[in-house]
Amino acid sequence: MSASVENTGPVIGIRYLQAVLLFLAICVNYIARLNVSVAVVAMTDAETTNSDFPVYDWTEAERSYILSSFYWGYILTQFPAGFLVRMFGAKAVLFIPTLASAVLSALTPYFISWGGWVAFSVLRIVMGLFQGLIFPCIHEHLAKWSPPKDRNRLGVIAYSGADCGSVLAMGISGLIADSSMGWPGISYVSAGLCLIWCVLWLVFGSNNAPSSWMVGESERDYIERSMKREDGFHVQKIPIPWRAMWTSAPFYALLVVRSAQGWANSTMQLQTPAYMHGVLEMDIKSNALFSALPFLAMWCMSYVYLAIADVIMSRKWLSLTTMRKSINTVAYWGPAAALIGIGFLDKSQTELAIALMTINAGLNAGSGIGSILTIIDMSPNHSGIVMAIVNGVGNIFPLLTPLLVGVIVTEPSSRSQWQIVFGMTAFVFIVGNLVYLIWGTTDQQPWDAVDFLKPLPDAELNQDAVSDKKPEAGHKVLEKTM
């Protein structure tokens, strides 16, 4: 690997390998997580799957339970994941949900033949419980490996795995269902991909630069120095400043903006095949391929946004906060307009509907640079915990939206009912970004400091007593950890 100047380490180093491993982790887990939207269509419509396999007569409500059940488990383990990754590191904790996804995917056809939609829902809940560990691990790992100058690139590489996983889950699932493997093959392919990643992670994954057997001295020093970490930083346990965190306006802005994204993601990822099959009357193969097209656009556009962000920051046209808010505005308000337009189209305007859905997703790709990486900007030392909270609260909405769609869309071919679904999603986009514009920031928060909860030295305390000064609100000597 070629080295650049001394103070920046290798141009392409092991930190990029870690980002690629995170990309693959998200990708394979998303395939296992999202292929259900195409699989459910194949399981309930004999014309869309290999006729050698059984087809089930599930109601719209039962299908909604299956689609939402993953999130019932997913939100429960977000918060514990933040603690687990702090205790054991990302290498151990991220391995567990991926291995579990492999096993549960392999068991899916048997569970369905045994217990129908109820057993399928239970299995999806368990998978959600395991996959709830993933994103706090991803964020904690990125925070350990991403110097500020490389953060946009490493973050986009890692998180674009969600787009790639969505493309593959939508794009190949329909083809597999129509092949000799039938709909059970969707689960078996997912299981195999997860197992392959587990092997790669065990060999190449490392919790941080000092513990990696592959990283060179120059890259290790560059990462640790740029993050202002002293020797022994990774072995210390930094207490969590709960009170300061929960009284921070930027923290709540993140909660709101990421919750809006969670609502939109669940609508597009889980409901797109049903909309295309019902309103646009597309068969499962073209349905799956065109359902994947928006996520292919999102995947490609994430790198376009990265290039734009790199130019903006290298030429210092905008501050980091302004750059992130500007990109996030395009990523939220652009899709809001596109979603409203989609609701007014029918099967005679299929091409336009697909084009708008593709534009919607492509524009939304900017949310990674726009708001996800803000978590690491604000709090690199507590990014796993902050991500656990933000992602946990944000994924309450994917739990509810399939159920809400099941109530609103009683007739899958009704354009007016889908208008309501898309209109609500657009409103959520607009409001979520507005809150972020007002209160969001990329400034590293005072409560992220390593010594924020440490008592002041006795000399300083005595000086406060002599001067009869009251500590300011939020002063670290008064802050308590739980």
Protein backbone atom coordinates (compact mmCIF):
# COMPACT_ATOMS: atom_id res chain seq x y z
CA MET A 1 0.00 0.00 0.00
CA SER A 2 1.33 3.36 -0.94
CA ALA A 3 1.82 5.88 1.81
CA SER A 4 0.97 9.53 1.62
CA VAL A 5 2.56 12.21 3.74
CA GLU A 6 3.58 11.19 7.22
CA ASN A 7 0.69 12.78 9.09
CA THR A 8 -2.09 11.06 7.12
CA GLY A 9 -1.00 7.43 7.03
CA PRO A 10 -1.63 5.21 3.98
CA VAL A 11 -4.02 6.63 1.39
CA ILE A 12 -5.88 3.31 1.33
CA GLY A 13 -5.39 1.44 4.57
CA ILE A 14 -6.93 -1.18 6.82
CA ARG A 15 -9.54 1.38 7.92
CA TYR A 16 -11.02 1.03 4.42
CA LEU A 17 -11.01 -2.76 4.72
CA GLN A 18 -12.99 -2.41 7.95
CA ALA A 19 -15.50 -0.18 6.14
CA VAL A 20 -15.85 -2.78 3.36
CA LEU A 21 -16.46 -5.50 5.95
CA LEU A 22 -19.17 -3.31 7.50
CA PHE A 23 -20.62 -2.79 4.01
CA LEU A 24 -20.83 -6.55 3.53
CA ALA A 25 -22.27 -7.08 7.02
CA ILE A 26 -25.12 -4.68 6.38
CA CYS A 27 -25.61 -6.07 2.88
CA VAL A 28 -26.04 -9.74 3.84
CA ASN A 29 -28.19 -8.95 6.86
CA TYR A 30 -30.41 -6.68 4.77
CA ILE A 31 -30.89 -9.48 2.26
CA ALA A 32 -32.04 -11.77 5.07
CA ARG A 33 -34.18 -8.98 6.51
CA LEU A 34 -35.84 -7.57 3.38
CA ASN A 35 -36.34 -10.53 1.07
CA VAL A 36 -39.56 -11.20 2.98
CA SER A 37 -41.42 -8.49 1.03
CA VAL A 38 -40.91 -10.39 -2.23
CA ALA A 39 -41.10 -13.83 -0.61
CA VAL A 40 -44.53 -13.15 0.89
CA VAL A 41 -45.88 -12.25 -2.57
CA ALA A 42 -44.43 -15.48 -3.97
CA MET A 43 -45.85 -17.57 -1.11
CA THR A 44 -49.37 -16.26 -1.62
CA ASP A 45 -49.67 -16.05 -5.42
CA ALA A 46 -49.24 -19.31 -7.37
CA GLU A 47 -48.54 -17.46 -10.61
CA THR A 48 -45.44 -15.77 -9.19
CA THR A 49 -43.48 -18.81 -7.98
CA ASN A 50 -42.40 -22.31 -8.95
CA SER A 51 -45.55 -24.44 -8.91
CA ASP A 52 -43.70 -27.33 -7.23
CA PHE A 53 -43.86 -25.49 -3.91
CA PRO A 54 -46.89 -24.80 -1.67
CA VAL A 55 -48.82 -21.53 -1.82
CA TYR A 56 -50.63 -20.10 1.21
CA ASP A 57 -53.93 -18.28 1.46
CA TRP A 58 -52.93 -15.53 3.87
CA THR A 59 -55.08 -12.43 4.35
CA GLU A 60 -53.76 -8.88 3.95
CA ALA A 61 -53.76 -8.50 7.74
CA GLU A 62 -51.72 -11.68 8.18
CA ARG A 63 -49.25 -10.54 5.56
CA SER A 64 -48.93 -7.22 7.41
CA TYR A 65 -48.15 -9.09 10.63
CA ILE A 66 -45.37 -10.99 8.84
CA LEU A 67 -43.88 -7.81 7.36
CA SER A 68 -43.93 -5.92 10.65
CA SER A 69 -42.93 -8.77 12.97
CA PHE A 70 -39.19 -8.32 12.36
CA TYR A 71 -39.35 -4.88 13.96
CA TRP A 72 -41.13 -6.18 17.07
CA GLY A 73 -37.88 -7.87 18.03
CA TYR A 74 -35.59 -5.35 16.36
CA ILE A 75 -36.44 -2.41 18.60
CA LEU A 76 -36.03 -4.44 21.81
CA THR A 77 -32.31 -5.09 21.42
CA GLN A 78 -31.18 -1.68 20.14
CA PHE A 79 -30.56 -0.27 23.60
CA PRO A 80 -28.84 -3.39 25.04
CA ALA A 81 -26.65 -3.45 21.92
CA GLY A 82 -25.09 -0.14 22.90
CA PHE A 83 -23.91 -1.65 26.19
CA LEU A 84 -22.82 -4.97 24.68
CA VAL A 85 -20.59 -3.36 22.07
CA ARG A 86 -18.96 -1.17 24.75
CA MET A 87 -18.25 -4.26 26.85
CA PHE A 88 -17.19 -6.82 24.25
CA GLY A 89 -16.35 -4.83 21.11
CA ALA A 90 -17.86 -4.89 17.65
CA LYS A 91 -15.98 -7.97 16.46
CA ALA A 92 -17.75 -10.31 18.88
CA VAL A 93 -21.14 -8.61 18.96
CA LEU A 94 -21.53 -8.10 15.19
CA PHE A 95 -20.67 -11.75 14.52
CA ILE A 96 -23.61 -13.01 16.61
CA PRO A 97 -26.58 -11.50 14.69
CA THR A 98 -25.11 -12.42 11.31
CA LEU A 99 -24.60 -16.04 12.31
CA ALA A 100 -28.12 -16.08 13.79
CA SER A 101 -29.55 -14.64 10.56
CA ALA A 102 -27.87 -17.46 8.64
CA VAL A 103 -29.36 -20.15 10.89
CA LEU A 104 -32.84 -18.60 11.02
CA SER A 105 -32.92 -18.06 7.25
CA ALA A 106 -32.04 -21.70 6.67
CA LEU A 107 -34.87 -22.77 9.00
CA THR A 108 -37.52 -20.49 7.47
CA PRO A 109 -39.08 -22.94 4.93
CA TYR A 110 -39.41 -25.62 7.62
CA PHE A 111 -41.01 -23.18 10.07
CA ILE A 112 -43.57 -22.06 7.49
CA SER A 113 -44.54 -25.62 6.52
CA TRP A 114 -44.94 -26.43 10.19
CA GLY A 115 -46.72 -23.38 11.58
CA GLY A 116 -47.82 -21.15 8.69
CA TRP A 117 -47.82 -17.38 9.00
CA VAL A 118 -47.74 -17.49 12.82
CA ALA A 119 -44.51 -19.51 12.88
CA PHE A 120 -43.09 -17.27 10.15
CA SER A 121 -43.87 -14.18 12.24
CA VAL A 122 -42.26 -15.69 15.35
CA LEU A 123 -39.11 -16.53 13.40
CA ARG A 124 -38.99 -12.97 12.05
CA ILE A 125 -39.32 -11.59 15.58
CA VAL A 126 -36.33 -13.67 16.69
CA MET A 127 -34.32 -12.53 13.68
CA GLY A 128 -35.20 -8.95 14.57
CA LEU A 129 -33.97 -9.50 18.13
CA PHE A 130 -30.57 -10.54 16.81
CA GLN A 131 -30.31 -7.92 14.06
CA GLY A 132 -31.12 -5.18 16.55
CA LEU A 133 -27.48 -5.52 17.61
CA ILE A 134 -26.11 -4.53 14.21
CA PHE A 135 -26.25 -0.76 13.79
CA PRO A 136 -24.97 0.24 17.24
CA CYS A 137 -22.01 -2.05 16.40
CA ILE A 138 -21.58 -0.47 12.97
CA HIS A 139 -21.51 3.04 14.43
CA GLU A 140 -19.20 2.12 17.29
CA HIS A 141 -16.82 0.42 14.86
CA LEU A 142 -16.85 3.40 12.49
CA ALA A 143 -16.14 5.76 15.38
CA LYS A 144 -13.10 3.68 16.35
CA TRP A 145 -11.70 3.53 12.81
CA SER A 146 -12.72 6.78 11.09
CA PRO A 147 -10.52 9.88 11.37
CA PRO A 148 -12.53 13.08 10.73
CA LYS A 149 -11.00 13.59 7.27
CA ASP A 150 -12.01 10.08 6.19
CA ARG A 151 -15.34 9.88 8.00
CA ASN A 152 -17.59 10.71 5.05
CA ARG A 153 -15.91 8.15 2.82
CA LEU A 154 -15.77 5.36 5.38
CA GLY A 155 -19.33 6.06 6.49
CA VAL A 156 -20.72 6.04 2.95
CA ILE A 157 -18.85 2.85 2.08
CA ALA A 158 -20.25 1.10 5.16
CA TYR A 159 -23.82 2.35 5.02
CA SER A 160 -24.20 1.88 1.27
CA GLY A 161 -24.35 -1.80 2.17
CA ALA A 162 -27.99 -1.15 3.07
CA ASP A 163 -28.70 -0.02 -0.48
CA CYS A 164 -26.79 -2.93 -2.00
CA GLY A 165 -28.62 -5.36 0.30
CA SER A 166 -31.96 -3.83 -0.64
CA VAL A 167 -31.13 -4.13 -4.36
CA LEU A 168 -30.16 -7.78 -4.03
CA ALA A 169 -33.08 -8.65 -1.74
CA MET A 170 -35.58 -7.14 -4.18
CA GLY A 171 -33.78 -7.93 -7.42
CA ILE A 172 -32.84 -11.59 -7.05
CA SER A 173 -35.61 -12.85 -4.77
CA GLY A 174 -38.23 -12.89 -7.52
CA LEU A 175 -35.86 -14.69 -9.88
CA ILE A 176 -35.06 -17.29 -7.22
CA ALA A 177 -38.76 -17.83 -6.46
CA ASP A 178 -39.45 -18.52 -10.14
CA SER A 179 -36.45 -20.85 -10.48
CA SER A 180 -36.09 -24.51 -9.58
CA MET A 181 -35.37 -23.51 -5.96
CA GLY A 182 -38.79 -21.85 -5.58
CA TRP A 183 -39.53 -19.45 -2.75
CA PRO A 184 -37.59 -21.59 -0.18
CA GLY A 185 -34.45 -20.83 -2.20
CA ILE A 186 -34.69 -17.18 -1.15
CA SER A 187 -34.00 -18.19 2.44
CA TYR A 188 -31.25 -20.66 1.58
CA VAL A 189 -29.30 -18.14 -0.50
CA SER A 190 -29.57 -15.60 2.34
CA ALA A 191 -28.22 -18.13 4.82
CA GLY A 192 -25.22 -18.92 2.65
CA LEU A 193 -24.26 -15.27 2.18
CA CYS A 194 -24.41 -14.61 5.94
CA LEU A 195 -22.16 -17.59 6.66
CA ILE A 196 -19.54 -16.42 4.14
CA TRP A 197 -19.41 -13.00 5.80
CA CYS A 198 -18.94 -14.57 9.23
CA VAL A 199 -15.75 -16.27 8.04
CA LEU A 200 -14.39 -13.03 6.53
CA TRP A 201 -15.15 -11.09 9.71
CA LEU A 202 -13.40 -13.58 11.97
CA VAL A 203 -10.25 -13.35 9.86
CA PHE A 204 -10.07 -9.63 9.04
CA GLY A 205 -12.22 -7.75 11.58
CA SER A 206 -10.64 -5.84 14.49
CA ASN A 207 -12.20 -3.73 17.23
CA ASN A 208 -9.75 -0.86 16.74
CA ALA A 209 -6.47 0.03 15.04
CA PRO A 210 -4.14 -0.86 17.96
CA SER A 211 -5.65 -4.37 18.19
CA SER A 212 -5.48 -5.14 14.45
CA TRP A 213 -2.86 -7.62 13.25
CA MET A 214 -2.93 -6.04 9.79
CA VAL A 215 -2.67 -2.30 10.41
CA GLY A 216 0.68 -0.58 9.96
CA GLU A 217 2.27 1.77 12.48
CA SER A 218 1.76 4.90 10.36
CA GLU A 219 -1.94 4.24 9.85
CA ARG A 220 -2.47 3.34 13.50
CA ASP A 221 -0.77 6.54 14.63
CA TYR A 222 -2.73 8.60 12.11
CA ILE A 223 -6.09 7.24 13.30
CA GLU A 224 -5.34 7.56 16.99
CA ARG A 225 -3.67 10.99 16.72
CA SER A 226 -6.44 12.49 14.56
CA MET A 227 -9.01 11.38 17.16
CA LYS A 228 -6.85 12.82 19.99
CA ARG A 229 -6.58 9.47 21.75
CA GLU A 230 -3.88 8.81 24.28
CA ASP A 231 -2.19 5.45 24.81
CA GLY A 232 -4.53 3.03 26.56
CA PHE A 233 -7.65 4.86 25.38
CA HIS A 234 -9.41 1.71 24.14
CA VAL A 235 -9.14 -0.18 27.43
CA GLN A 236 -10.71 2.53 29.58
CA LYS A 237 -14.40 2.56 30.34
CA ILE A 238 -15.85 6.02 29.77
CA PRO A 239 -19.01 6.55 31.88
CA ILE A 240 -22.13 7.59 29.98
CA PRO A 241 -23.40 11.15 30.69
CA TRP A 242 -27.09 10.25 30.65
CA ARG A 243 -28.47 13.50 32.05
CA ALA A 244 -26.46 15.72 29.72
CA MET A 245 -27.35 13.56 26.74
CA TRP A 246 -31.08 13.54 27.43
CA THR A 247 -31.15 17.30 27.96
CA SER A 248 -29.33 18.02 24.69
CA ALA A 249 -31.38 19.66 21.90
CA PRO A 250 -29.08 18.33 19.10
CA PHE A 251 -29.61 14.82 20.47
CA TYR A 252 -33.39 15.19 20.16
CA ALA A 253 -32.99 16.63 16.65
CA LEU A 254 -31.21 13.41 15.71
CA LEU A 255 -34.00 11.34 17.24
CA VAL A 256 -36.62 13.13 15.16
CA VAL A 257 -34.77 13.18 11.85
CA ARG A 258 -33.77 9.51 12.04
CA SER A 259 -37.29 8.50 13.10
CA ALA A 260 -38.58 10.18 9.95
CA GLN A 261 -36.09 8.15 7.92
CA GLY A 262 -37.20 4.97 9.66
CA TRP A 263 -40.82 5.63 8.70
CA ALA A 264 -39.88 6.29 5.07
CA ASN A 265 -37.54 3.30 4.79
CA SER A 266 -40.15 0.84 6.03
CA THR A 267 -42.73 2.23 3.62
CA MET A 268 -40.45 1.99 0.59
CA GLN A 269 -38.65 -1.26 1.46
CA LEU A 270 -41.62 -3.32 2.62
CA GLN A 271 -44.56 -1.82 0.73
CA THR A 272 -43.07 -1.21 -2.73
CA PRO A 273 -43.65 -4.79 -3.99
CA ALA A 274 -47.27 -4.72 -2.74
CA TYR A 275 -47.90 -1.33 -4.42
CA MET A 276 -46.41 -2.48 -7.72
CA HIS A 277 -48.29 -5.77 -7.63
CA GLY A 278 -51.60 -4.21 -6.61
CA VAL A 279 -51.82 -0.81 -8.33
CA LEU A 280 -49.42 -1.25 -11.23
CA GLU A 281 -50.36 -4.95 -11.75
CA MET A 282 -46.77 -6.10 -12.29
CA ASP A 283 -45.77 -9.79 -12.12
CA ILE A 284 -43.33 -11.01 -9.48
CA LYS A 285 -40.19 -11.02 -11.69
CA SER A 286 -40.64 -7.54 -13.07
CA ASN A 287 -42.03 -6.47 -9.69
CA ALA A 288 -38.86 -7.61 -7.93
CA LEU A 289 -36.53 -6.07 -10.51
CA PHE A 290 -38.32 -2.73 -10.58
CA SER A 291 -38.67 -2.76 -6.78
CA ALA A 292 -34.88 -3.05 -6.70
CA LEU A 293 -34.34 -0.17 -9.12
CA PRO A 294 -34.94 2.62 -6.54
CA PHE A 295 -32.39 1.05 -4.21
CA LEU A 296 -29.90 0.69 -7.05
CA ALA A 297 -30.33 4.43 -7.62
CA MET A 298 -29.83 5.02 -3.90
CA TRP A 299 -26.68 2.93 -3.91
CA CYS A 300 -25.18 4.85 -6.85
CA MET A 301 -26.31 8.24 -5.59
CA SER A 302 -24.71 7.70 -2.19
CA TYR A 303 -21.33 7.96 -3.95
CA VAL A 304 -22.45 11.02 -5.91
CA TYR A 305 -23.35 12.70 -2.62
CA LEU A 306 -19.96 11.63 -1.24
CA ALA A 307 -18.17 13.29 -4.17
CA ILE A 308 -20.19 16.48 -3.66
CA ALA A 309 -19.46 16.50 0.07
CA ASP A 310 -15.75 15.96 -0.55
CA VAL A 311 -15.61 18.93 -2.95
CA ILE A 312 -17.56 21.16 -0.56
CA MET A 313 -15.36 20.35 2.42
CA SER A 314 -12.02 20.38 0.57
CA ARG A 315 -12.75 23.82 -0.87
CA LYS A 316 -14.30 25.00 2.41
CA TRP A 317 -17.47 26.31 0.73
CA LEU A 318 -19.61 25.39 3.75
CA SER A 319 -19.11 24.42 7.37
CA LEU A 320 -19.59 20.74 8.24
CA THR A 321 -22.95 21.45 9.90
CA THR A 322 -24.24 23.48 6.95
CA MET A 323 -23.05 20.86 4.48
CA ARG A 324 -24.81 18.04 6.34
CA LYS A 325 -28.05 20.02 6.73
CA SER A 326 -28.04 21.08 3.07
CA ILE A 327 -27.59 17.52 1.82
CA ASN A 328 -30.16 16.19 4.26
CA THR A 329 -32.70 18.76 3.04
CA VAL A 330 -32.31 17.55 -0.55
CA ALA A 331 -32.47 13.95 0.71
CA TYR A 332 -35.76 14.52 2.60
CA TRP A 333 -37.75 17.22 0.87
CA GLY A 334 -37.00 16.01 -2.66
CA PRO A 335 -38.45 12.54 -1.96
CA ALA A 336 -41.42 14.12 -0.18
CA ALA A 337 -42.43 15.84 -3.43
CA ALA A 338 -41.83 12.65 -5.43
CA LEU A 339 -43.98 10.55 -3.08
CA ILE A 340 -46.93 12.92 -3.41
CA GLY A 341 -46.65 12.63 -7.20
CA ILE A 342 -46.49 8.82 -7.11
CA GLY A 343 -49.84 8.63 -5.33
CA PHE A 344 -51.64 10.16 -8.33
CA LEU A 345 -50.42 7.59 -10.87
CA ASP A 346 -52.07 4.34 -12.02
CA LYS A 347 -51.21 1.30 -14.15
CA SER A 348 -51.39 3.34 -17.36
CA GLN A 349 -48.48 5.43 -16.05
CA THR A 350 -46.25 2.62 -14.83
CA GLU A 351 -43.07 4.04 -16.34
CA LEU A 352 -43.59 7.42 -14.69
CA ALA A 353 -44.36 5.77 -11.34
CA ILE A 354 -41.14 3.74 -11.51
CA ALA A 355 -39.18 6.84 -12.53
CA LEU A 356 -40.51 8.85 -9.58
CA MET A 357 -39.83 6.01 -7.14
CA THR A 358 -36.29 5.79 -8.48
CA ILE A 359 -35.76 9.57 -8.17
CA ASN A 360 -37.25 9.44 -4.67
CA ALA A 361 -34.80 6.79 -3.52
CA GLY A 362 -31.81 8.33 -5.30
CA LEU A 363 -32.33 11.68 -3.64
CA ASN A 364 -32.85 10.03 -0.26
CA ALA A 365 -29.38 8.46 -0.46
CA GLY A 366 -28.00 11.71 0.95
CA SER A 367 -29.41 10.96 4.39
CA GLY A 368 -26.25 8.99 5.21
CA ILE A 369 -23.93 11.97 4.90
CA GLY A 370 -26.76 14.31 5.87
CA SER A 371 -27.66 12.94 9.30
CA ILE A 372 -26.38 9.43 10.13
CA LEU A 373 -22.73 10.47 10.41
CA THR A 374 -23.76 13.43 12.58
CA ILE A 375 -23.93 10.95 15.44
CA ILE A 376 -20.18 10.32 15.23
CA ASP A 377 -19.48 14.04 14.73
CA MET A 378 -21.40 14.89 17.91
CA SER A 379 -20.17 12.04 20.06
CA PRO A 380 -17.40 9.72 18.83
CA ASN A 381 -16.87 8.35 22.34
CA HIS A 382 -20.53 7.41 22.86
CA SER A 383 -21.57 6.80 19.25
CA GLY A 384 -22.66 3.20 19.90
CA ILE A 385 -24.98 4.22 22.75
CA VAL A 386 -26.34 7.25 20.86
CA MET A 387 -26.96 5.12 17.78
CA ALA A 388 -28.66 2.48 19.91
CA ILE A 389 -31.10 5.06 21.27
CA VAL A 390 -31.67 6.87 17.97
CA ASN A 391 -32.07 3.67 15.96
CA GLY A 392 -34.23 2.06 18.64
CA VAL A 393 -36.67 4.96 18.79
CA GLY A 394 -36.55 5.41 15.00
CA ASN A 395 -37.49 1.79 14.40
CA ILE A 396 -40.67 2.00 16.42
CA PHE A 397 -42.13 3.47 13.24
CA PRO A 398 -41.18 0.57 10.93
CA LEU A 399 -42.94 -1.59 13.50
CA LEU A 400 -46.12 0.45 13.12
CA THR A 401 -46.16 1.42 9.45
CA PRO A 402 -46.89 -2.06 7.98
CA LEU A 403 -49.79 -2.36 10.43
CA LEU A 404 -50.97 1.14 9.52
CA VAL A 405 -50.72 0.31 5.81
CA GLY A 406 -52.69 -2.86 6.48
CA VAL A 407 -55.47 -0.73 7.99
CA ILE A 408 -55.43 1.95 5.26
CA VAL A 409 -54.90 -0.29 2.23
CA THR A 410 -57.80 -2.71 2.48
CA GLU A 411 -57.83 -3.10 -1.31
CA PRO A 412 -54.26 -3.41 -2.70
CA SER A 413 -55.33 -2.11 -6.12
CA SER A 414 -56.87 1.10 -4.71
CA ARG A 415 -54.85 4.11 -5.84
CA SER A 416 -56.64 6.46 -3.42
CA GLN A 417 -55.67 4.31 -0.43
CA TRP A 418 -52.01 4.31 -1.50
CA GLN A 419 -52.21 8.09 -1.88
CA ILE A 420 -52.85 8.33 1.84
CA VAL A 421 -49.82 6.13 2.61
CA PHE A 422 -47.46 8.13 0.40
CA GLY A 423 -48.88 11.47 1.54
CA MET A 424 -48.28 10.63 5.21
CA THR A 425 -44.71 9.57 4.44
CA ALA A 426 -44.06 12.86 2.63
CA PHE A 427 -45.38 14.83 5.63
CA VAL A 428 -43.08 12.90 7.98
CA PHE A 429 -40.10 13.69 5.73
CA ILE A 430 -40.86 17.42 5.75
CA VAL A 431 -41.35 17.73 9.50
CA GLY A 432 -38.37 15.53 10.41
CA ASN A 433 -35.91 17.56 8.36
CA LEU A 434 -37.34 20.87 9.60
CA VAL A 435 -36.57 19.90 13.20
CA TYR A 436 -33.05 18.91 12.16
CA LEU A 437 -32.49 22.24 10.40
CA ILE A 438 -33.46 24.17 13.53
CA TRP A 439 -31.70 22.20 16.27
CA GLY A 440 -29.22 19.84 14.60
CA THR A 441 -25.43 20.34 14.73
CA THR A 442 -22.20 18.47 14.01
CA ASP A 443 -20.31 20.14 16.88
CA GLN A 444 -18.73 17.62 19.23
CA GLN A 445 -20.84 17.88 22.37
CA PRO A 446 -19.32 18.84 25.74
CA TRP A 447 -20.75 15.68 27.28
CA ASP A 448 -18.65 13.56 24.90
CA ALA A 449 -15.41 14.52 26.67
CA VAL A 450 -13.59 11.59 28.25
CA ASP A 451 -13.37 13.43 31.58
CA PHE A 452 -16.86 14.96 31.51
CA LEU A 453 -18.05 12.96 34.53
CA LYS A 454 -14.79 13.08 36.46
CA PRO A 455 -14.79 15.23 39.62
CA LEU A 456 -12.82 18.43 39.44
CA PRO A 457 -9.43 18.43 41.23
CA ASP A 458 -9.55 19.49 44.90
CA ALA A 459 -7.73 22.74 44.11
CA GLU A 460 -10.42 23.78 41.65
CA LEU A 461 -13.18 22.81 44.07
CA ASN A 462 -11.56 24.87 46.82
CA GLN A 463 -11.22 27.80 44.46
CA ASP A 464 -14.96 27.54 43.68
CA ALA A 465 -15.72 27.52 47.38
CA VAL A 466 -13.52 30.55 48.07
CA SER A 467 -15.04 32.56 45.23
CA ASP A 468 -18.53 31.42 46.31
CA LYS A 469 -19.37 30.53 42.73
CA LYS A 470 -22.16 28.16 41.88
CA PRO A 471 -21.34 25.52 39.29
CA GLU A 472 -23.08 26.13 36.00
CA ALA A 473 -25.99 23.91 35.01
CA GLY A 474 -24.71 20.62 33.66
CA HIS A 475 -21.31 21.09 35.36
CA LYS A 476 -19.50 17.80 35.26
CA VAL A 477 -18.98 17.59 39.03
CA LEU A 478 -22.75 17.41 39.46
CA GLU A 479 -23.34 14.97 36.60
CA LYS A 480 -24.00 11.43 37.66
CA THR A 481 -23.85 8.23 35.66
CA MET A 482 -26.21 5.35 35.93
